Amino acid sequence: MSTINENGLDPALFAATVTSLTHSFGDSTRRKVYFYLRANPGATATELAEHCDVHANVVRHHLERLTEGGYVTYDSVRKTTVGRPAKGYRVLDDTVVMEGSLRRDALLVALLEMALERLGPDASERMAHDVGLEYGRGLTESVGAGDATRSVKAAMVSIAGLLTAHGFSARVEEGEFSSSVVSDNCPFGSAAQHHPVLCAVDRGLISGMLEGLGAERTTVTLTSKALGDDVCRVTA
């Protein structure tokens, strides 16, 4: 039986609400950051990195997204006697943020679904692919293609790392003649189940990143749970 905490919030209900907002939080690391801050207000990026067992820069990326989304804020706190004060992060009001986020996310999903329905499947898939393509190119701008052409294998390893650092849950798998990026968490949540054309974003995303990294090949194939496959995988 669940119990009500001092804030009058059922922990089980809170966990269920956060889980339903998975696409807003990005991946498991971001949710882990949020839950830790809820229990440990004032924690710094360094403390969060130790708790999540990731690089501090990865934590800072997740903190930026949580702050931009209105889930988290920060105060300047002096953890040592030297240097500049660190940022101590804390969760904003639980009930207000959650209720507001649910309304906002529901509106965004409703807008997306109506737009896809009015565009039709062919135009929707082209749009989704193009959005992914441009986004993928943008993600690689800080890395650059360099002078030499990269092998697909090397590029896909870089892509999995970049996606993970930017809030996606991605890993690379090597085949005898191909390389794949596998996504464990869909950023579109249940919306992709109703509109599988959204999976074209992933196809465009990897193509755009391969192009941006100067890979020798940028053509990819896609499998997706929303399309009835066992796993969400983009293969080059």
C-alpha atoms as a PDB file:
ATOM      1  CA  MET A   1       0.000   0.000   0.000  1.00  0.00           C
ATOM      2  CA  SER A   2       1.377   3.411  -0.968  1.00  0.00           C
ATOM      3  CA  THR A   3       1.717   6.184   1.596  1.00  0.00           C
ATOM      4  CA  ILE A   4       1.277   9.942   1.361  1.00  0.00           C
ATOM      5  CA  ASN A   5       4.430  11.934   2.001  1.00  0.00           C
ATOM      6  CA  GLU A   6       4.777  15.230   3.879  1.00  0.00           C
ATOM      7  CA  ASN A   7       3.788  17.198   0.783  1.00  0.00           C
ATOM      8  CA  GLY A   8       0.520  15.296   0.479  1.00  0.00           C
ATOM      9  CA  LEU A   9       1.727  13.508  -2.673  1.00  0.00           C
ATOM     10  CA  ASP A  10       1.364   9.789  -3.226  1.00  0.00           C
ATOM     11  CA  PRO A  11       4.879   8.548  -4.220  1.00  0.00           C
ATOM     12  CA  ALA A  12       3.392   5.895  -6.503  1.00  0.00           C
ATOM     13  CA  LEU A  13       1.249   8.491  -8.260  1.00  0.00           C
ATOM     14  CA  PHE A  14       4.255  10.774  -8.624  1.00  0.00           C
ATOM     15  CA  ALA A  15       6.349   7.987 -10.173  1.00  0.00           C
ATOM     16  CA  ALA A  16       3.538   7.108 -12.570  1.00  0.00           C
ATOM     17  CA  THR A  17       3.186  10.750 -13.610  1.00  0.00           C
ATOM     18  CA  VAL A  18       6.900  11.103 -14.323  1.00  0.00           C
ATOM     19  CA  THR A  19       6.899   7.859 -16.296  1.00  0.00           C
ATOM     20  CA  SER A  20       4.018   9.131 -18.430  1.00  0.00           C
ATOM     21  CA  LEU A  21       6.187  12.133 -19.296  1.00  0.00           C
ATOM     22  CA  THR A  22       9.117  10.045 -20.512  1.00  0.00           C
ATOM     23  CA  HIS A  23       9.302  11.841 -23.832  1.00  0.00           C
ATOM     24  CA  SER A  24       9.635  15.165 -22.011  1.00  0.00           C
ATOM     25  CA  PHE A  25      12.463  13.867 -19.842  1.00  0.00           C
ATOM     26  CA  GLY A  26      14.325  12.262 -22.745  1.00  0.00           C
ATOM     27  CA  ASP A  27      15.903   9.158 -21.215  1.00  0.00           C
ATOM     28  CA  SER A  28      16.556   7.252 -18.021  1.00  0.00           C
ATOM     29  CA  THR A  29      19.533   9.414 -16.994  1.00  0.00           C
ATOM     30  CA  ARG A  30      17.425  12.560 -17.134  1.00  0.00           C
ATOM     31  CA  ARG A  31      14.733  10.939 -15.014  1.00  0.00           C
ATOM     32  CA  LYS A  32      17.416   9.736 -12.583  1.00  0.00           C
ATOM     33  CA  VAL A  33      18.715  13.306 -12.298  1.00  0.00           C
ATOM     34  CA  TYR A  34      15.212  14.602 -11.627  1.00  0.00           C
ATOM     35  CA  PHE A  35      14.369  12.001  -8.974  1.00  0.00           C
ATOM     36  CA  TYR A  36      17.696  12.593  -7.217  1.00  0.00           C
ATOM     37  CA  LEU A  37      17.117  16.336  -7.117  1.00  0.00           C
ATOM     38  CA  ARG A  38      13.661  15.813  -5.720  1.00  0.00           C
ATOM     39  CA  ALA A  39      15.157  13.870  -2.818  1.00  0.00           C
ATOM     40  CA  ASN A  40      18.350  15.973  -2.566  1.00  0.00           C
ATOM     41  CA  PRO A  41      17.625  19.658  -3.273  1.00  0.00           C
ATOM     42  CA  GLY A  42      20.758  21.749  -3.732  1.00  0.00           C
ATOM     43  CA  ALA A  43      22.804  18.997  -5.384  1.00  0.00           C
ATOM     44  CA  THR A  44      25.480  20.176  -7.812  1.00  0.00           C
ATOM     45  CA  ALA A  45      26.309  18.866 -11.279  1.00  0.00           C
ATOM     46  CA  THR A  46      29.365  17.117  -9.830  1.00  0.00           C
ATOM     47  CA  GLU A  47      27.277  15.319  -7.218  1.00  0.00           C
ATOM     48  CA  LEU A  48      24.709  14.335  -9.822  1.00  0.00           C
ATOM     49  CA  ALA A  49      27.425  13.009 -12.143  1.00  0.00           C
ATOM     50  CA  GLU A  50      28.732  10.792  -9.349  1.00  0.00           C
ATOM     51  CA  HIS A  51      25.228   9.552  -8.549  1.00  0.00           C
ATOM     52  CA  CYS A  52      24.375   8.809 -12.198  1.00  0.00           C
ATOM     53  CA  ASP A  53      27.880   7.502 -13.031  1.00  0.00           C
ATOM     54  CA  VAL A  54      28.204   9.728 -16.104  1.00  0.00           C
ATOM     55  CA  HIS A  55      30.428  12.617 -17.149  1.00  0.00           C
ATOM     56  CA  ALA A  56      29.570  15.991 -15.629  1.00  0.00           C
ATOM     57  CA  ASN A  57      28.998  17.449 -19.111  1.00  0.00           C
ATOM     58  CA  VAL A  58      26.275  14.867 -19.757  1.00  0.00           C
ATOM     59  CA  VAL A  59      24.577  15.839 -16.493  1.00  0.00           C
ATOM     60  CA  ARG A  60      24.819  19.530 -17.377  1.00  0.00           C
ATOM     61  CA  HIS A  61      23.068  18.841 -20.675  1.00  0.00           C
ATOM     62  CA  HIS A  62      20.187  17.111 -18.878  1.00  0.00           C
ATOM     63  CA  LEU A  63      20.021  19.908 -16.298  1.00  0.00           C
ATOM     64  CA  GLU A  64      19.769  22.485 -19.070  1.00  0.00           C
ATOM     65  CA  ARG A  65      16.843  20.615 -20.624  1.00  0.00           C
ATOM     66  CA  LEU A  66      15.087  20.205 -17.277  1.00  0.00           C
ATOM     67  CA  THR A  67      15.600  23.889 -16.503  1.00  0.00           C
ATOM     68  CA  GLU A  68      14.355  24.992 -19.917  1.00  0.00           C
ATOM     69  CA  GLY A  69      11.270  22.796 -19.480  1.00  0.00           C
ATOM     70  CA  GLY A  70      10.427  24.399 -16.144  1.00  0.00           C
ATOM     71  CA  TYR A  71      11.066  21.260 -14.093  1.00  0.00           C
ATOM     72  CA  VAL A  72      14.206  22.424 -12.287  1.00  0.00           C
ATOM     73  CA  THR A  73      15.804  25.668 -11.130  1.00  0.00           C
ATOM     74  CA  TYR A  74      19.075  26.488  -9.391  1.00  0.00           C
ATOM     75  CA  ASP A  75      20.649  28.750  -6.798  1.00  0.00           C
ATOM     76  CA  SER A  76      24.276  29.725  -6.283  1.00  0.00           C
ATOM     77  CA  VAL A  77      25.706  27.735  -3.402  1.00  0.00           C
ATOM     78  CA  ARG A  78      29.231  27.794  -2.013  1.00  0.00           C
ATOM     79  CA  LYS A  79      30.431  24.219  -1.617  1.00  0.00           C
ATOM     80  CA  THR A  80      34.065  25.217  -1.060  1.00  0.00           C
ATOM     81  CA  THR A  81      35.967  28.223   0.263  1.00  0.00           C
ATOM     82  CA  VAL A  82      37.669  28.953  -3.059  1.00  0.00           C
ATOM     83  CA  GLY A  83      36.475  29.633  -6.580  1.00  0.00           C
ATOM     84  CA  ARG A  84      33.077  30.698  -7.820  1.00  0.00           C
ATOM     85  CA  PRO A  85      29.913  29.423  -6.125  1.00  0.00           C
ATOM     86  CA  ALA A  86      28.520  26.288  -7.716  1.00  0.00           C
ATOM     87  CA  LYS A  87      24.959  25.912  -8.936  1.00  0.00           C
ATOM     88  CA  GLY A  88      22.776  24.002  -6.530  1.00  0.00           C
ATOM     89  CA  TYR A  89      19.807  22.527  -8.409  1.00  0.00           C
ATOM     90  CA  ARG A  90      16.350  21.855  -7.017  1.00  0.00           C
ATOM     91  CA  VAL A  91      12.978  20.743  -8.326  1.00  0.00           C
ATOM     92  CA  LEU A  92      10.254  23.336  -8.730  1.00  0.00           C
ATOM     93  CA  ASP A  93       6.836  22.879  -7.131  1.00  0.00           C
ATOM     94  CA  ASP A  94       5.780  19.276  -7.835  1.00  0.00           C
ATOM     95  CA  THR A  95       2.056  19.587  -8.419  1.00  0.00           C
ATOM     96  CA  VAL A  96       2.112  22.853 -10.373  1.00  0.00           C
ATOM     97  CA  VAL A  97       4.867  21.714 -12.711  1.00  0.00           C
ATOM     98  CA  MET A  98       3.381  18.296 -13.295  1.00  0.00           C
ATOM     99  CA  GLU A  99      -0.134  19.549 -13.961  1.00  0.00           C
ATOM    100  CA  GLY A 100       1.142  22.305 -16.247  1.00  0.00           C
ATOM    101  CA  SER A 101       3.436  19.932 -18.110  1.00  0.00           C
ATOM    102  CA  LEU A 102       0.649  17.420 -18.642  1.00  0.00           C
ATOM    103  CA  ARG A 103      -1.581  20.101 -20.156  1.00  0.00           C
ATOM    104  CA  ARG A 104       1.231  21.461 -22.327  1.00  0.00           C
ATOM    105  CA  ASP A 105       2.344  18.041 -23.549  1.00  0.00           C
ATOM    106  CA  ALA A 106      -1.229  16.984 -24.266  1.00  0.00           C
ATOM    107  CA  LEU A 107      -1.737  20.103 -26.403  1.00  0.00           C
ATOM    108  CA  LEU A 108       1.510  19.554 -28.295  1.00  0.00           C
ATOM    109  CA  VAL A 109       0.667  15.921 -29.005  1.00  0.00           C
ATOM    110  CA  ALA A 110      -2.851  16.891 -30.137  1.00  0.00           C
ATOM    111  CA  LEU A 111      -1.396  19.551 -32.465  1.00  0.00           C
ATOM    112  CA  LEU A 112       1.139  17.096 -33.887  1.00  0.00           C
ATOM    113  CA  GLU A 113      -1.451  14.390 -34.471  1.00  0.00           C
ATOM    114  CA  MET A 114      -3.877  16.745 -36.229  1.00  0.00           C
ATOM    115  CA  ALA A 115      -1.060  18.094 -38.425  1.00  0.00           C
ATOM    116  CA  LEU A 116      -0.054  14.571 -39.440  1.00  0.00           C
ATOM    117  CA  GLU A 117      -3.634  13.610 -40.215  1.00  0.00           C
ATOM    118  CA  ARG A 118      -4.166  16.662 -42.411  1.00  0.00           C
ATOM    119  CA  LEU A 119      -0.885  16.213 -44.252  1.00  0.00           C
ATOM    120  CA  GLY A 120      -1.533  12.570 -45.070  1.00  0.00           C
ATOM    121  CA  PRO A 121       0.929   9.661 -44.708  1.00  0.00           C
ATOM    122  CA  ASP A 122       3.245  10.422 -47.634  1.00  0.00           C
ATOM    123  CA  ALA A 123       3.746  14.126 -46.871  1.00  0.00           C
ATOM    124  CA  SER A 124       3.998  13.388 -43.140  1.00  0.00           C
ATOM    125  CA  GLU A 125       6.759  10.846 -43.676  1.00  0.00           C
ATOM    126  CA  ARG A 126       8.712  13.215 -45.923  1.00  0.00           C
ATOM    127  CA  MET A 127       8.384  15.981 -43.356  1.00  0.00           C
ATOM    128  CA  ALA A 128       9.449  13.704 -40.499  1.00  0.00           C
ATOM    129  CA  HIS A 129      12.501  12.533 -42.463  1.00  0.00           C
ATOM    130  CA  ASP A 130      13.503  16.093 -43.362  1.00  0.00           C
ATOM    131  CA  VAL A 131      13.147  17.259 -39.752  1.00  0.00           C
ATOM    132  CA  GLY A 132      15.390  14.401 -38.610  1.00  0.00           C
ATOM    133  CA  LEU A 133      17.891  15.119 -41.391  1.00  0.00           C
ATOM    134  CA  GLU A 134      18.302  18.770 -40.433  1.00  0.00           C
ATOM    135  CA  TYR A 135      18.429  17.980 -36.730  1.00  0.00           C
ATOM    136  CA  GLY A 136      21.078  15.312 -37.322  1.00  0.00           C
ATOM    137  CA  ARG A 137      23.260  17.689 -39.307  1.00  0.00           C
ATOM    138  CA  GLY A 138      22.943  20.238 -36.523  1.00  0.00           C
ATOM    139  CA  LEU A 139      24.007  17.780 -33.830  1.00  0.00           C
ATOM    140  CA  THR A 140      27.300  17.131 -35.620  1.00  0.00           C
ATOM    141  CA  GLU A 141      28.237  20.786 -36.144  1.00  0.00           C
ATOM    142  CA  SER A 142      30.338  20.855 -32.970  1.00  0.00           C
ATOM    143  CA  VAL A 143      32.232  17.732 -34.092  1.00  0.00           C
ATOM    144  CA  GLY A 144      32.837  18.472 -37.751  1.00  0.00           C
ATOM    145  CA  ALA A 145      33.569  16.088 -40.589  1.00  0.00           C
ATOM    146  CA  GLY A 146      37.291  16.737 -40.691  1.00  0.00           C
ATOM    147  CA  ASP A 147      39.479  16.316 -43.746  1.00  0.00           C
ATOM    148  CA  ALA A 148      39.282  12.533 -44.043  1.00  0.00           C
ATOM    149  CA  THR A 149      36.208  10.457 -44.858  1.00  0.00           C
ATOM    150  CA  ARG A 150      35.071   8.409 -41.873  1.00  0.00           C
ATOM    151  CA  SER A 151      34.156   4.774 -42.039  1.00  0.00           C
ATOM    152  CA  VAL A 152      30.506   4.029 -41.340  1.00  0.00           C
ATOM    153  CA  LYS A 153      31.537   1.978 -38.301  1.00  0.00           C
ATOM    154  CA  ALA A 154      33.483   4.848 -36.740  1.00  0.00           C
ATOM    155  CA  ALA A 155      30.728   7.316 -37.561  1.00  0.00           C
ATOM    156  CA  MET A 156      28.013   5.148 -36.002  1.00  0.00           C
ATOM    157  CA  VAL A 157      30.022   4.807 -32.775  1.00  0.00           C
ATOM    158  CA  SER A 158      30.297   8.608 -32.661  1.00  0.00           C
ATOM    159  CA  ILE A 159      26.585   8.965 -33.426  1.00  0.00           C
ATOM    160  CA  ALA A 160      25.529   6.703 -30.546  1.00  0.00           C
ATOM    161  CA  GLY A 161      27.713   8.724 -28.186  1.00  0.00           C
ATOM    162  CA  LEU A 162      26.420  12.057 -29.458  1.00  0.00           C
ATOM    163  CA  LEU A 163      22.795  10.978 -29.205  1.00  0.00           C
ATOM    164  CA  THR A 164      23.291   9.733 -25.658  1.00  0.00           C
ATOM    165  CA  ALA A 165      24.997  12.992 -24.665  1.00  0.00           C
ATOM    166  CA  HIS A 166      22.056  14.931 -26.120  1.00  0.00           C
ATOM    167  CA  GLY A 167      19.424  13.112 -24.128  1.00  0.00           C
ATOM    168  CA  PHE A 168      18.632  10.091 -26.292  1.00  0.00           C
ATOM    169  CA  SER A 169      19.110   6.523 -25.118  1.00  0.00           C
ATOM    170  CA  ALA A 170      21.188   5.003 -27.930  1.00  0.00           C
ATOM    171  CA  ARG A 171      23.763   2.271 -28.407  1.00  0.00           C
ATOM    172  CA  VAL A 172      25.699   0.903 -31.345  1.00  0.00           C
ATOM    173  CA  GLU A 173      25.634  -2.714 -32.541  1.00  0.00           C
ATOM    174  CA  GLU A 174      28.082  -4.113 -35.075  1.00  0.00           C
ATOM    175  CA  GLY A 175      27.213  -6.646 -37.759  1.00  0.00           C
ATOM    176  CA  GLU A 176      29.511  -8.409 -40.193  1.00  0.00           C
ATOM    177  CA  PHE A 177      28.841  -5.907 -42.984  1.00  0.00           C
ATOM    178  CA  SER A 178      26.864  -3.166 -41.241  1.00  0.00           C
ATOM    179  CA  SER A 179      26.575  -0.974 -38.154  1.00  0.00           C
ATOM    180  CA  SER A 180      23.373  -0.069 -36.335  1.00  0.00           C
ATOM    181  CA  VAL A 181      22.221   2.479 -33.778  1.00  0.00           C
ATOM    182  CA  VAL A 182      19.576   1.017 -31.483  1.00  0.00           C
ATOM    183  CA  SER A 183      17.220   3.289 -29.537  1.00  0.00           C
ATOM    184  CA  ASP A 184      15.857   1.931 -26.262  1.00  0.00           C
ATOM    185  CA  ASN A 185      13.463   4.809 -25.553  1.00  0.00           C
ATOM    186  CA  CYS A 186      11.304   6.468 -28.196  1.00  0.00           C
ATOM    187  CA  PRO A 187      11.260  10.275 -27.758  1.00  0.00           C
ATOM    188  CA  PHE A 188       7.723  10.382 -29.205  1.00  0.00           C
ATOM    189  CA  GLY A 189       6.212   7.979 -26.697  1.00  0.00           C
ATOM    190  CA  SER A 190       2.764   6.663 -27.590  1.00  0.00           C
ATOM    191  CA  ALA A 191       2.388   9.198 -30.415  1.00  0.00           C
ATOM    192  CA  ALA A 192       4.602   7.001 -32.614  1.00  0.00           C
ATOM    193  CA  GLN A 193       2.287   4.044 -32.060  1.00  0.00           C
ATOM    194  CA  HIS A 194      -0.624   6.050 -33.481  1.00  0.00           C
ATOM    195  CA  HIS A 195       1.477   7.692 -36.215  1.00  0.00           C
ATOM    196  CA  PRO A 196       4.353   5.386 -37.259  1.00  0.00           C
ATOM    197  CA  VAL A 197       5.433   7.939 -39.885  1.00  0.00           C
ATOM    198  CA  LEU A 198       7.217   9.672 -36.997  1.00  0.00           C
ATOM    199  CA  CYS A 199       9.775   6.868 -37.140  1.00  0.00           C
ATOM    200  CA  ALA A 200      11.088   8.533 -40.294  1.00  0.00           C
ATOM    201  CA  VAL A 201      12.614  11.135 -37.974  1.00  0.00           C
ATOM    202  CA  ASP A 202      15.065   8.495 -36.751  1.00  0.00           C
ATOM    203  CA  ARG A 203      15.952   7.516 -40.315  1.00  0.00           C
ATOM    204  CA  GLY A 204      16.592  11.130 -41.254  1.00  0.00           C
ATOM    205  CA  LEU A 205      18.423  11.805 -37.996  1.00  0.00           C
ATOM    206  CA  ILE A 206      21.052   9.109 -38.560  1.00  0.00           C
ATOM    207  CA  SER A 207      21.421  10.008 -42.242  1.00  0.00           C
ATOM    208  CA  GLY A 208      21.973  13.639 -41.300  1.00  0.00           C
ATOM    209  CA  MET A 209      24.549  12.744 -38.687  1.00  0.00           C
ATOM    210  CA  LEU A 210      26.386  10.402 -41.064  1.00  0.00           C
ATOM    211  CA  GLU A 211      26.487  13.230 -43.586  1.00  0.00           C
ATOM    212  CA  GLY A 212      27.632  15.742 -40.995  1.00  0.00           C
ATOM    213  CA  LEU A 213      30.413  13.442 -39.817  1.00  0.00           C
ATOM    214  CA  GLY A 214      31.657  12.861 -43.368  1.00  0.00           C
ATOM    215  CA  ALA A 215      30.837   9.151 -43.445  1.00  0.00           C
ATOM    216  CA  GLU A 216      31.566   7.168 -46.587  1.00  0.00           C
ATOM    217  CA  ARG A 217      27.904   6.113 -46.778  1.00  0.00           C
ATOM    218  CA  THR A 218      24.749   7.906 -45.600  1.00  0.00           C
ATOM    219  CA  THR A 219      21.964   5.581 -46.818  1.00  0.00           C
ATOM    220  CA  VAL A 220      20.199   3.802 -43.952  1.00  0.00           C
ATOM    221  CA  THR A 221      17.383   1.334 -43.303  1.00  0.00           C
ATOM    222  CA  LEU A 222      14.963   1.399 -40.383  1.00  0.00           C
ATOM    223  CA  THR A 223      13.146  -1.073 -38.158  1.00  0.00           C
ATOM    224  CA  SER A 224      10.728   0.189 -35.526  1.00  0.00           C
ATOM    225  CA  LYS A 225       8.508  -1.163 -32.782  1.00  0.00           C
ATOM    226  CA  ALA A 226       5.759   1.172 -33.977  1.00  0.00           C
ATOM    227  CA  LEU A 227       5.960  -0.543 -37.374  1.00  0.00           C
ATOM    228  CA  GLY A 228       5.716  -3.999 -35.815  1.00  0.00           C
ATOM    229  CA  ASP A 229       9.427  -4.819 -35.489  1.00  0.00           C
ATOM    230  CA  ASP A 230      11.138  -6.110 -32.362  1.00  0.00           C
ATOM    231  CA  VAL A 231      13.454  -3.152 -31.902  1.00  0.00           C
ATOM    232  CA  CYS A 232      13.980   0.442 -33.038  1.00  0.00           C
ATOM    233  CA  ARG A 233      17.132   0.222 -35.146  1.00  0.00           C
ATOM    234  CA  VAL A 234      18.733   2.330 -37.874  1.00  0.00           C
ATOM    235  CA  THR A 235      21.322   0.445 -39.929  1.00  0.00           C
ATOM    236  CA  ALA A 236      23.952   1.757 -42.327  1.00  0.00           C
END
